[in-house]
């Protein structure tokens, strides 16, 4: 039996396109896998940012609830103190201090129609005690997120506040220039009293 071997050109004409096709298929699958992982990373990143915003909103809501509960407990303490005073008007009941010193936390009033200058001074008064995020300031002022962000950006550019970019969301603290603006005196002497309701 004789087997005829085809010419080398015919063999190359068949083998080379097969290898080129296999290489093209391999390259296509690799490129598709890489681009698919980038889309997956984008989706995961967007999902993480969404959950982060949700957590920040929940933290702010919990802080508001905590402040409200704190003020309610002070009202109850005041009511109890009034009852205690009535009780001690009687001669036969000994006087005992049960409540201890009241720790009052100032509550800043929300002023809905304030101008830019008064809003700046209100924000500077808020952040003298501790740094705040723009979301905290937004909730306190009752303004939109965009309005608060623009205002905080302008205050940062003017040098009234300092932005901490290491935290997310950014937190803002007052600078010496900001302290000077709300105190109306020399930069060395600073005393700020927030509005109390």
Protein backbone atom coordinates (compact mmCIF):
# COMPACT_ATOMS: atom_id res chain seq x y z
CA UNK A 1 0.00 0.00 0.00
CA UNK A 2 1.33 3.27 -1.01
CA UNK A 3 0.38 6.46 0.78
CA UNK A 4 0.91 9.60 -1.11
CA UNK A 5 2.24 12.54 0.94
CA UNK A 6 0.87 15.86 -0.26
CA UNK A 7 3.13 18.70 -1.19
CA UNK A 8 4.49 20.90 1.64
CA UNK A 9 2.61 23.93 0.26
CA UNK A 10 -0.70 22.10 0.63
CA UNK A 11 0.18 21.05 4.20
CA UNK A 12 1.16 24.62 5.12
CA UNK A 13 -2.00 25.92 3.43
CA UNK A 14 -4.13 23.79 5.79
CA UNK A 15 -2.10 23.85 9.03
CA UNK A 16 -1.32 27.60 9.13
CA UNK A 17 -4.99 28.75 8.92
CA UNK A 18 -5.94 26.27 11.66
CA UNK A 19 -3.25 27.67 14.00
CA UNK A 20 -4.15 31.29 13.10
CA UNK A 21 -7.81 30.53 13.86
CA UNK A 22 -6.95 28.91 17.22
CA UNK A 23 -4.71 31.85 18.16
CA UNK A 24 -7.43 34.37 17.18
CA UNK A 25 -10.01 32.48 19.24
CA UNK A 26 -7.67 32.42 22.27
CA UNK A 27 -6.94 36.17 21.93
CA UNK A 28 -10.66 36.98 21.58
CA UNK A 29 -11.54 35.02 24.73
CA UNK A 30 -8.76 36.71 26.74
CA UNK A 31 -9.82 40.21 25.62
CA UNK A 32 -13.45 39.43 26.42
CA UNK A 33 -12.48 38.15 29.88
CA UNK A 34 -10.45 41.29 30.66
CA UNK A 35 -13.19 43.68 29.49
CA UNK A 36 -15.82 41.67 31.38
CA UNK A 37 -13.84 41.96 34.63
CA UNK A 38 -13.57 45.75 34.17
CA UNK A 39 -17.36 46.02 33.84
CA UNK A 40 -17.77 43.81 36.90
CA UNK A 41 -15.36 46.03 38.86
CA UNK A 42 -17.34 49.13 37.83
CA UNK A 43 -20.60 47.54 38.97
CA UNK A 44 -19.03 46.46 42.28
CA UNK A 45 -17.58 49.95 42.83
CA UNK A 46 -20.94 51.60 42.14
CA UNK A 47 -22.64 49.18 44.52
CA UNK A 48 -20.07 49.93 47.26
CA UNK A 49 -20.56 53.69 46.79
CA UNK A 50 -24.34 53.24 47.02
CA UNK A 51 -24.06 51.28 50.27
CA UNK A 52 -21.59 53.81 51.65
CA UNK A 53 -24.06 56.65 51.00
CA UNK A 54 -26.81 54.60 52.67
CA UNK A 55 -24.62 54.02 55.74
CA UNK A 56 -23.80 57.73 55.99
CA UNK A 57 -27.50 58.62 55.81
CA UNK A 58 -28.29 56.05 58.52
CA UNK A 59 -25.51 57.43 60.75
CA UNK A 60 -26.91 60.94 60.43
CA UNK A 61 -30.44 59.73 61.18
CA UNK A 62 -29.17 57.88 64.27
CA UNK A 63 -27.35 61.03 65.43
CA UNK A 64 -30.57 63.06 65.03
CA UNK A 65 -32.54 60.44 66.98
CA UNK A 66 -29.85 60.43 69.68
CA UNK A 67 -30.00 64.22 69.96
CA UNK A 68 -33.82 64.13 70.16
CA UNK A 69 -33.71 61.42 72.85
CA UNK A 70 -31.10 63.42 74.73
CA UNK A 71 -33.30 66.53 74.72
CA UNK A 72 -36.36 64.47 75.79
CA UNK A 73 -34.40 63.02 78.72
CA UNK A 74 -33.45 66.58 79.77
CA UNK A 75 -37.11 67.61 79.65
CA UNK A 76 -37.98 64.62 81.83
CA UNK A 77 -35.20 65.61 84.23
CA UNK A 78 -36.56 69.15 84.39
CA UNK A 79 -40.08 67.81 85.04
CA UNK A 80 -38.72 65.57 87.78
CA UNK A 81 -36.82 68.52 89.27
CA UNK A 82 -40.05 70.55 89.36
CA UNK A 83 -41.81 67.65 91.08
CA UNK A 84 -38.90 67.36 93.49
CA UNK A 85 -39.19 71.08 94.35
CA UNK A 86 -42.91 70.68 95.10
CA UNK A 87 -42.14 67.65 97.20
CA UNK A 88 -39.50 69.53 99.22
CA UNK A 89 -41.90 72.33 100.03
CA UNK A 90 -43.24 69.93 102.60
CA UNK A 91 -41.30 70.04 105.84
CA UNK A 92 -41.30 66.31 106.57
CA UNK A 93 -39.49 65.18 103.35
CA UNK A 94 -35.67 65.36 103.46
CA UNK A 95 -33.93 67.11 100.53
CA UNK A 96 -31.82 64.78 98.38
CA UNK A 97 -30.17 65.69 95.08
CA UNK A 98 -31.00 62.79 92.76
CA UNK A 99 -30.58 64.36 89.35
CA UNK A 100 -26.99 65.67 89.54
CA UNK A 101 -25.71 68.35 87.19
CA UNK A 102 -27.69 68.67 83.98
CA UNK A 103 -25.54 68.33 80.87
CA UNK A 104 -27.21 70.52 78.29
CA UNK A 105 -26.37 70.13 74.62
CA UNK A 106 -27.13 73.21 72.54
CA UNK A 107 -29.51 72.72 69.66
CA UNK A 108 -28.94 74.96 66.68
CA UNK A 109 -32.09 76.43 65.26
CA UNK A 110 -32.85 76.03 61.58
CA UNK A 111 -33.26 79.36 59.81
CA UNK A 112 -34.94 78.65 56.46
CA UNK A 113 -34.50 81.98 54.64
CA UNK A 114 -31.03 83.11 55.56
CA UNK A 115 -28.66 84.83 53.15
CA UNK A 116 -25.21 83.56 52.21
CA UNK A 117 -23.37 85.61 54.85
CA UNK A 118 -25.61 84.49 57.70
CA UNK A 119 -25.43 80.89 56.45
CA UNK A 120 -21.64 81.10 56.46
CA UNK A 121 -21.64 82.42 60.01
CA UNK A 122 -24.11 79.74 61.10
CA UNK A 123 -21.94 77.00 59.58
CA UNK A 124 -18.81 78.45 61.17
CA UNK A 125 -20.64 78.47 64.51
CA UNK A 126 -21.60 74.82 64.00
CA UNK A 127 -18.09 73.58 63.25
CA UNK A 128 -16.31 75.41 66.06
CA UNK A 129 -17.15 72.59 68.49
CA UNK A 130 -16.23 69.66 66.24
CA UNK A 131 -15.66 68.92 62.54
CA UNK A 132 -18.80 68.15 60.52
CA UNK A 133 -19.51 66.60 57.13
CA UNK A 134 -21.40 68.48 54.46
CA UNK A 135 -24.32 66.07 55.00
CA UNK A 136 -24.49 67.03 58.71
CA UNK A 137 -24.46 70.71 57.73
CA UNK A 138 -27.09 70.09 55.04
CA UNK A 139 -29.46 68.45 57.53
CA UNK A 140 -28.94 71.23 60.08
CA UNK A 141 -29.47 74.07 57.60
CA UNK A 142 -32.30 72.35 55.74
CA UNK A 143 -30.73 73.16 52.37
CA UNK A 144 -30.21 70.96 49.31
CA UNK A 145 -27.08 68.84 48.91
CA UNK A 146 -25.94 70.91 45.92
CA UNK A 147 -26.43 74.21 47.75
CA UNK A 148 -24.50 72.97 50.77
CA UNK A 149 -21.67 71.57 48.62
CA UNK A 150 -21.31 74.84 46.71
CA UNK A 151 -21.33 76.83 49.93
CA UNK A 152 -18.70 74.59 51.58
CA UNK A 153 -16.52 74.75 48.46
CA UNK A 154 -16.72 78.57 48.47
CA UNK A 155 -15.93 78.71 52.19
CA UNK A 156 -12.93 76.41 51.61
CA UNK A 157 -11.69 78.60 48.76
CA UNK A 158 -12.12 81.72 50.93
CA UNK A 159 -10.07 80.08 53.70
CA UNK A 160 -12.82 79.98 56.35
CA UNK A 161 -12.86 76.17 56.63
CA UNK A 162 -10.34 73.41 56.27
CA UNK A 163 -11.31 70.26 54.36
CA UNK A 164 -10.15 66.87 55.65
CA UNK A 165 -9.78 64.77 52.50
CA UNK A 166 -8.60 61.70 54.41
CA UNK A 167 -12.16 60.92 55.50
CA UNK A 168 -15.02 60.06 53.20
CA UNK A 169 -17.26 62.03 53.12
CA UNK A 170 -15.02 65.06 53.68
CA UNK A 171 -15.22 66.69 57.07
CA UNK A 172 -14.83 70.42 57.58
CA UNK A 173 -13.25 72.25 60.49
CA UNK A 174 -12.91 75.95 61.14
CA UNK A 175 -9.68 77.87 60.42
CA UNK A 176 -8.29 80.91 62.23
CA UNK A 177 -9.70 83.13 59.46
CA UNK A 178 -13.12 81.57 60.06
CA UNK A 179 -12.84 82.10 63.82
CA UNK A 180 -11.91 85.72 63.17
CA UNK A 181 -14.97 86.16 60.93
CA UNK A 182 -17.49 84.98 63.52
CA UNK A 183 -15.79 86.58 66.51
CA UNK A 184 -15.41 90.02 64.94
CA UNK A 185 -12.28 90.56 67.04
CA UNK A 186 -8.60 89.79 66.77
CA UNK A 187 -7.63 86.26 65.64
CA UNK A 188 -6.20 85.49 69.09
CA UNK A 189 -9.43 85.87 71.06
CA UNK A 190 -12.17 83.50 69.97
CA UNK A 191 -15.50 82.93 71.62
CA UNK A 192 -18.41 81.51 69.67
CA UNK A 193 -21.87 80.95 71.09
CA UNK A 194 -24.21 78.88 68.88
CA UNK A 195 -27.88 79.77 68.72
CA UNK A 196 -29.80 77.78 71.33
CA UNK A 197 -33.45 76.86 71.02
